[in-house]
Amino acid sequence: MGGKTDLERVVAYIPPEWKKELEEWAESDERSVSWLVSKLIDRALQERRSQQSPSKIVNLR
């Protein structure tokens, strides 16, 4: 664990109860909180992209 990555780091400040809930969720799925949050962001971005007009979609990959 903890090898080199080409991924960017993002810091967010959240209420303690959210953190606790995310930790419980991640543990129940045998994943890290970081992985879980990354997947939630990915899902939200996909949803946002699908709601935008084709001319406004930016390919970030």
PDB file of N, CA and C in Angstrom:
ATOM      1  N   MET A   1       0.823  -1.202   0.000  1.00  0.00           N
ATOM      2  CA  MET A   1       0.000   0.000   0.000  1.00  0.00           C
ATOM      3  C   MET A   1       0.857   1.252   0.000  1.00  0.00           C
ATOM      4  N   GLY A   2       0.322   2.328  -0.507  1.00  0.00           N
ATOM      5  CA  GLY A   2       1.019   3.596  -0.435  1.00  0.00           C
ATOM      6  C   GLY A   2       2.097   3.782  -1.480  1.00  0.00           C
ATOM      7  N   GLY A   3       1.970   3.103  -2.624  1.00  0.00           N
ATOM      8  CA  GLY A   3       2.947   3.257  -3.688  1.00  0.00           C
ATOM      9  C   GLY A   3       2.755   4.564  -4.431  1.00  0.00           C
ATOM     10  N   LYS A   4       3.621   4.778  -5.425  1.00  0.00           N
ATOM     11  CA  LYS A   4       3.517   5.981  -6.248  1.00  0.00           C
ATOM     12  C   LYS A   4       2.212   5.965  -7.033  1.00  0.00           C
ATOM     13  N   THR A   5       1.666   7.135  -7.238  1.00  0.00           N
ATOM     14  CA  THR A   5       0.434   7.256  -8.010  1.00  0.00           C
ATOM     15  C   THR A   5       0.479   8.516  -8.844  1.00  0.00           C
ATOM     16  N   ASP A   6      -0.248   8.521  -9.947  1.00  0.00           N
ATOM     17  CA  ASP A   6      -0.342   9.724 -10.765  1.00  0.00           C
ATOM     18  C   ASP A   6      -1.632  10.482 -10.462  1.00  0.00           C
ATOM     19  N   LEU A   7      -2.286  10.098  -9.392  1.00  0.00           N
ATOM     20  CA  LEU A   7      -3.529  10.743  -9.005  1.00  0.00           C
ATOM     21  C   LEU A   7      -3.258  12.015  -8.214  1.00  0.00           C
ATOM     22  N   GLU A   8      -4.169  12.969  -8.303  1.00  0.00           N
ATOM     23  CA  GLU A   8      -4.064  14.221  -7.570  1.00  0.00           C
ATOM     24  C   GLU A   8      -4.714  14.089  -6.204  1.00  0.00           C
ATOM     25  N   ARG A   9      -4.275  14.880  -5.258  1.00  0.00           N
ATOM     26  CA  ARG A   9      -4.832  14.889  -3.908  1.00  0.00           C
ATOM     27  C   ARG A   9      -5.798  16.064  -3.777  1.00  0.00           C
ATOM     28  N   VAL A  10      -6.921  15.816  -3.114  1.00  0.00           N
ATOM     29  CA  VAL A  10      -7.906  16.847  -2.821  1.00  0.00           C
ATOM     30  C   VAL A  10      -8.203  16.766  -1.332  1.00  0.00           C
ATOM     31  N   VAL A  11      -8.244  17.917  -0.682  1.00  0.00           N
ATOM     32  CA  VAL A  11      -8.551  17.966   0.742  1.00  0.00           C
ATOM     33  C   VAL A  11      -9.933  18.583   0.910  1.00  0.00           C
ATOM     34  N   ALA A  12     -10.740  17.962   1.744  1.00  0.00           N
ATOM     35  CA  ALA A  12     -12.077  18.482   2.016  1.00  0.00           C
ATOM     36  C   ALA A  12     -12.323  18.455   3.518  1.00  0.00           C
ATOM     37  N   TYR A  13     -13.030  19.423   4.008  1.00  0.00           N
ATOM     38  CA  TYR A  13     -13.399  19.482   5.419  1.00  0.00           C
ATOM     39  C   TYR A  13     -14.868  19.102   5.527  1.00  0.00           C
ATOM     40  N   ILE A  14     -15.138  18.073   6.322  1.00  0.00           N
ATOM     41  CA  ILE A  14     -16.503  17.562   6.463  1.00  0.00           C
ATOM     42  C   ILE A  14     -16.845  17.423   7.947  1.00  0.00           C
ATOM     43  N   PRO A  15     -18.131  17.410   8.256  1.00  0.00           N
ATOM     44  CA  PRO A  15     -18.544  17.224   9.650  1.00  0.00           C
ATOM     45  C   PRO A  15     -18.107  15.852  10.171  1.00  0.00           C
ATOM     46  N   PRO A  16     -17.802  15.764  11.452  1.00  0.00           N
ATOM     47  CA  PRO A  16     -17.354  14.498  12.038  1.00  0.00           C
ATOM     48  C   PRO A  16     -18.332  13.346  11.813  1.00  0.00           C
ATOM     49  N   GLU A  17     -19.616  13.629  11.824  1.00  0.00           N
ATOM     50  CA  GLU A  17     -20.593  12.546  11.629  1.00  0.00           C
ATOM     51  C   GLU A  17     -20.535  11.988  10.209  1.00  0.00           C
ATOM     52  N   TRP A  18     -20.230  12.830   9.219  1.00  0.00           N
ATOM     53  CA  TRP A  18     -20.057  12.338   7.855  1.00  0.00           C
ATOM     54  C   TRP A  18     -18.837  11.421   7.783  1.00  0.00           C
ATOM     55  N   LYS A  19     -17.745  11.860   8.406  1.00  0.00           N
ATOM     56  CA  LYS A  19     -16.520  11.058   8.389  1.00  0.00           C
ATOM     57  C   LYS A  19     -16.764   9.700   9.021  1.00  0.00           C
ATOM     58  N   LYS A  20     -17.435   9.686  10.132  1.00  0.00           N
ATOM     59  CA  LYS A  20     -17.732   8.427  10.824  1.00  0.00           C
ATOM     60  C   LYS A  20     -18.565   7.509   9.925  1.00  0.00           C
ATOM     61  N   GLU A  21     -19.567   8.075   9.287  1.00  0.00           N
ATOM     62  CA  GLU A  21     -20.428   7.279   8.406  1.00  0.00           C
ATOM     63  C   GLU A  21     -19.648   6.754   7.197  1.00  0.00           C
ATOM     64  N   LEU A  22     -18.794   7.591   6.619  1.00  0.00           N
ATOM     65  CA  LEU A  22     -17.970   7.146   5.495  1.00  0.00           C
ATOM     66  C   LEU A  22     -17.014   6.035   5.918  1.00  0.00           C
ATOM     67  N   GLU A  23     -16.427   6.163   7.110  1.00  0.00           N
ATOM     68  CA  GLU A  23     -15.525   5.129   7.607  1.00  0.00           C
ATOM     69  C   GLU A  23     -16.263   3.802   7.793  1.00  0.00           C
ATOM     70  N   GLU A  24     -17.460   3.863   8.330  1.00  0.00           N
ATOM     71  CA  GLU A  24     -18.256   2.641   8.531  1.00  0.00           C
ATOM     72  C   GLU A  24     -18.621   2.006   7.194  1.00  0.00           C
ATOM     73  N   TRP A  25     -19.019   2.834   6.235  1.00  0.00           N
ATOM     74  CA  TRP A  25     -19.378   2.356   4.902  1.00  0.00           C
ATOM     75  C   TRP A  25     -18.165   1.703   4.237  1.00  0.00           C
ATOM     76  N   ALA A  26     -17.030   2.394   4.264  1.00  0.00           N
ATOM     77  CA  ALA A  26     -15.815   1.869   3.641  1.00  0.00           C
ATOM     78  C   ALA A  26     -15.405   0.551   4.293  1.00  0.00           C
ATOM     79  N   GLU A  27     -15.478   0.501   5.608  1.00  0.00           N
ATOM     80  CA  GLU A  27     -15.108  -0.730   6.305  1.00  0.00           C
ATOM     81  C   GLU A  27     -16.028  -1.883   5.930  1.00  0.00           C
ATOM     82  N   SER A  28     -17.316  -1.610   5.817  1.00  0.00           N
ATOM     83  CA  SER A  28     -18.262  -2.677   5.467  1.00  0.00           C
ATOM     84  C   SER A  28     -18.035  -3.197   4.047  1.00  0.00           C
ATOM     85  N   ASP A  29     -17.490  -2.348   3.178  1.00  0.00           N
ATOM     86  CA  ASP A  29     -17.169  -2.752   1.798  1.00  0.00           C
ATOM     87  C   ASP A  29     -15.717  -3.208   1.647  1.00  0.00           C
ATOM     88  N   GLU A  30     -14.979  -3.235   2.767  1.00  0.00           N
ATOM     89  CA  GLU A  30     -13.560  -3.596   2.762  1.00  0.00           C
ATOM     90  C   GLU A  30     -12.767  -2.726   1.790  1.00  0.00           C
ATOM     91  N   ARG A  31     -13.025  -1.434   1.866  1.00  0.00           N
ATOM     92  CA  ARG A  31     -12.343  -0.433   1.037  1.00  0.00           C
ATOM     93  C   ARG A  31     -11.852   0.695   1.936  1.00  0.00           C
ATOM     94  N   SER A  32     -11.043   1.574   1.373  1.00  0.00           N
ATOM     95  CA  SER A  32     -10.600   2.750   2.120  1.00  0.00           C
ATOM     96  C   SER A  32     -11.616   3.879   1.930  1.00  0.00           C
ATOM     97  N   VAL A  33     -11.587   4.822   2.837  1.00  0.00           N
ATOM     98  CA  VAL A  33     -12.443   6.000   2.701  1.00  0.00           C
ATOM     99  C   VAL A  33     -12.064   6.749   1.432  1.00  0.00           C
ATOM    100  N   SER A  34     -10.779   6.834   1.151  1.00  0.00           N
ATOM    101  CA  SER A  34     -10.308   7.516  -0.054  1.00  0.00           C
ATOM    102  C   SER A  34     -10.906   6.885  -1.311  1.00  0.00           C
ATOM    103  N   TRP A  35     -10.884   5.554  -1.389  1.00  0.00           N
ATOM    104  CA  TRP A  35     -11.452   4.853  -2.547  1.00  0.00           C
ATOM    105  C   TRP A  35     -12.944   5.148  -2.669  1.00  0.00           C
ATOM    106  N   LEU A  36     -13.636   5.078  -1.538  1.00  0.00           N
ATOM    107  CA  LEU A  36     -15.080   5.307  -1.529  1.00  0.00           C
ATOM    108  C   LEU A  36     -15.414   6.720  -1.998  1.00  0.00           C
ATOM    109  N   VAL A  37     -14.723   7.700  -1.465  1.00  0.00           N
ATOM    110  CA  VAL A  37     -14.978   9.094  -1.846  1.00  0.00           C
ATOM    111  C   VAL A  37     -14.657   9.307  -3.318  1.00  0.00           C
ATOM    112  N   SER A  38     -13.587   8.690  -3.793  1.00  0.00           N
ATOM    113  CA  SER A  38     -13.240   8.792  -5.210  1.00  0.00           C
ATOM    114  C   SER A  38     -14.364   8.257  -6.090  1.00  0.00           C
ATOM    115  N   LYS A  39     -14.941   7.109  -5.710  1.00  0.00           N
ATOM    116  CA  LYS A  39     -16.034   6.528  -6.484  1.00  0.00           C
ATOM    117  C   LYS A  39     -17.286   7.406  -6.425  1.00  0.00           C
ATOM    118  N   LEU A  40     -17.559   8.005  -5.282  1.00  0.00           N
ATOM    119  CA  LEU A  40     -18.719   8.898  -5.160  1.00  0.00           C
ATOM    120  C   LEU A  40     -18.548  10.136  -6.039  1.00  0.00           C
ATOM    121  N   ILE A  41     -17.342  10.690  -6.060  1.00  0.00           N
ATOM    122  CA  ILE A  41     -17.071  11.843  -6.920  1.00  0.00           C
ATOM    123  C   ILE A  41     -17.203  11.456  -8.384  1.00  0.00           C
ATOM    124  N   ASP A  42     -16.662  10.293  -8.752  1.00  0.00           N
ATOM    125  CA  ASP A  42     -16.764   9.815 -10.132  1.00  0.00           C
ATOM    126  C   ASP A  42     -18.224   9.697 -10.553  1.00  0.00           C
ATOM    127  N   ARG A  43     -19.039   9.103  -9.697  1.00  0.00           N
ATOM    128  CA  ARG A  43     -20.461   8.933  -9.999  1.00  0.00           C
ATOM    129  C   ARG A  43     -21.154  10.295 -10.164  1.00  0.00           C
ATOM    130  N   ALA A  44     -20.841  11.233  -9.283  1.00  0.00           N
ATOM    131  CA  ALA A  44     -21.447  12.564  -9.361  1.00  0.00           C
ATOM    132  C   ALA A  44     -21.026  13.284 -10.643  1.00  0.00           C
ATOM    133  N   LEU A  45     -19.761  13.160 -11.015  1.00  0.00           N
ATOM    134  CA  LEU A  45     -19.292  13.800 -12.245  1.00  0.00           C
ATOM    135  C   LEU A  45     -19.928  13.179 -13.482  1.00  0.00           C
ATOM    136  N   GLN A  46     -20.076  11.861 -13.497  1.00  0.00           N
ATOM    137  CA  GLN A  46     -20.737  11.198 -14.624  1.00  0.00           C
ATOM    138  C   GLN A  46     -22.178  11.692 -14.762  1.00  0.00           C
ATOM    139  N   GLU A  47     -22.869  11.802 -13.629  1.00  0.00           N
ATOM    140  CA  GLU A  47     -24.246  12.285 -13.647  1.00  0.00           C
ATOM    141  C   GLU A  47     -24.301  13.722 -14.161  1.00  0.00           C
ATOM    142  N   ARG A  48     -23.379  14.550 -13.697  1.00  0.00           N
ATOM    143  CA  ARG A  48     -23.348  15.951 -14.131  1.00  0.00           C
ATOM    144  C   ARG A  48     -23.099  16.048 -15.626  1.00  0.00           C
ATOM    145  N   ARG A  49     -22.151  15.249 -16.106  1.00  0.00           N
ATOM    146  CA  ARG A  49     -21.841  15.260 -17.544  1.00  0.00           C
ATOM    147  C   ARG A  49     -23.039  14.839 -18.381  1.00  0.00           C
ATOM    148  N   SER A  50     -23.783  13.859 -17.899  1.00  0.00           N
ATOM    149  CA  SER A  50     -24.931  13.369 -18.670  1.00  0.00           C
ATOM    150  C   SER A  50     -26.056  14.406 -18.720  1.00  0.00           C
ATOM    151  N   GLN A  51     -26.054  15.353 -17.799  1.00  0.00           N
ATOM    152  CA  GLN A  51     -27.087  16.388 -17.767  1.00  0.00           C
ATOM    153  C   GLN A  51     -26.698  17.628 -18.563  1.00  0.00           C
ATOM    154  N   GLN A  52     -25.424  17.732 -18.951  1.00  0.00           N
ATOM    155  CA  GLN A  52     -24.954  18.884 -19.704  1.00  0.00           C
ATOM    156  C   GLN A  52     -25.174  18.667 -21.194  1.00  0.00           C
ATOM    157  N   SER A  53     -25.238  19.775 -21.917  1.00  0.00           N
ATOM    158  CA  SER A  53     -25.351  19.670 -23.369  1.00  0.00           C
ATOM    159  C   SER A  53     -24.021  19.170 -23.924  1.00  0.00           C
ATOM    160  N   PRO A  54     -24.046  18.447 -25.034  1.00  0.00           N
ATOM    161  CA  PRO A  54     -22.821  17.867 -25.609  1.00  0.00           C
ATOM    162  C   PRO A  54     -21.718  18.900 -25.860  1.00  0.00           C
ATOM    163  N   SER A  55     -22.067  20.138 -26.179  1.00  0.00           N
ATOM    164  CA  SER A  55     -21.042  21.151 -26.457  1.00  0.00           C
ATOM    165  C   SER A  55     -20.323  21.602 -25.201  1.00  0.00           C
ATOM    166  N   LYS A  56     -20.893  21.349 -24.016  1.00  0.00           N
ATOM    167  CA  LYS A  56     -20.251  21.786 -22.778  1.00  0.00           C
ATOM    168  C   LYS A  56     -19.473  20.681 -22.085  1.00  0.00           C
ATOM    169  N   ILE A  57     -19.558  19.461 -22.580  1.00  0.00           N
ATOM    170  CA  ILE A  57     -18.855  18.361 -21.954  1.00  0.00           C
ATOM    171  C   ILE A  57     -17.373  18.439 -22.277  1.00  0.00           C
ATOM    172  N   VAL A  58     -16.547  18.331 -21.257  1.00  0.00           N
ATOM    173  CA  VAL A  58     -15.097  18.377 -21.419  1.00  0.00           C
ATOM    174  C   VAL A  58     -14.554  16.991 -21.126  1.00  0.00           C
ATOM    175  N   ASN A  59     -13.769  16.466 -22.033  1.00  0.00           N
ATOM    176  CA  ASN A  59     -13.152  15.157 -21.829  1.00  0.00           C
ATOM    177  C   ASN A  59     -11.885  15.356 -21.014  1.00  0.00           C
ATOM    178  N   LEU A  60     -11.903  14.893 -19.752  1.00  0.00           N
ATOM    179  CA  LEU A  60     -10.780  15.100 -18.850  1.00  0.00           C
ATOM    180  C   LEU A  60      -9.809  13.931 -18.843  1.00  0.00           C
ATOM    181  N   ARG A  61     -10.009  12.949 -19.667  1.00  0.00           N
ATOM    182  CA  ARG A  61      -9.098  11.793 -19.676  1.00  0.00           C
ATOM    183  C   ARG A  61      -8.094  11.862 -20.763  1.00  0.00           C
TER     184      ARG A  61
END
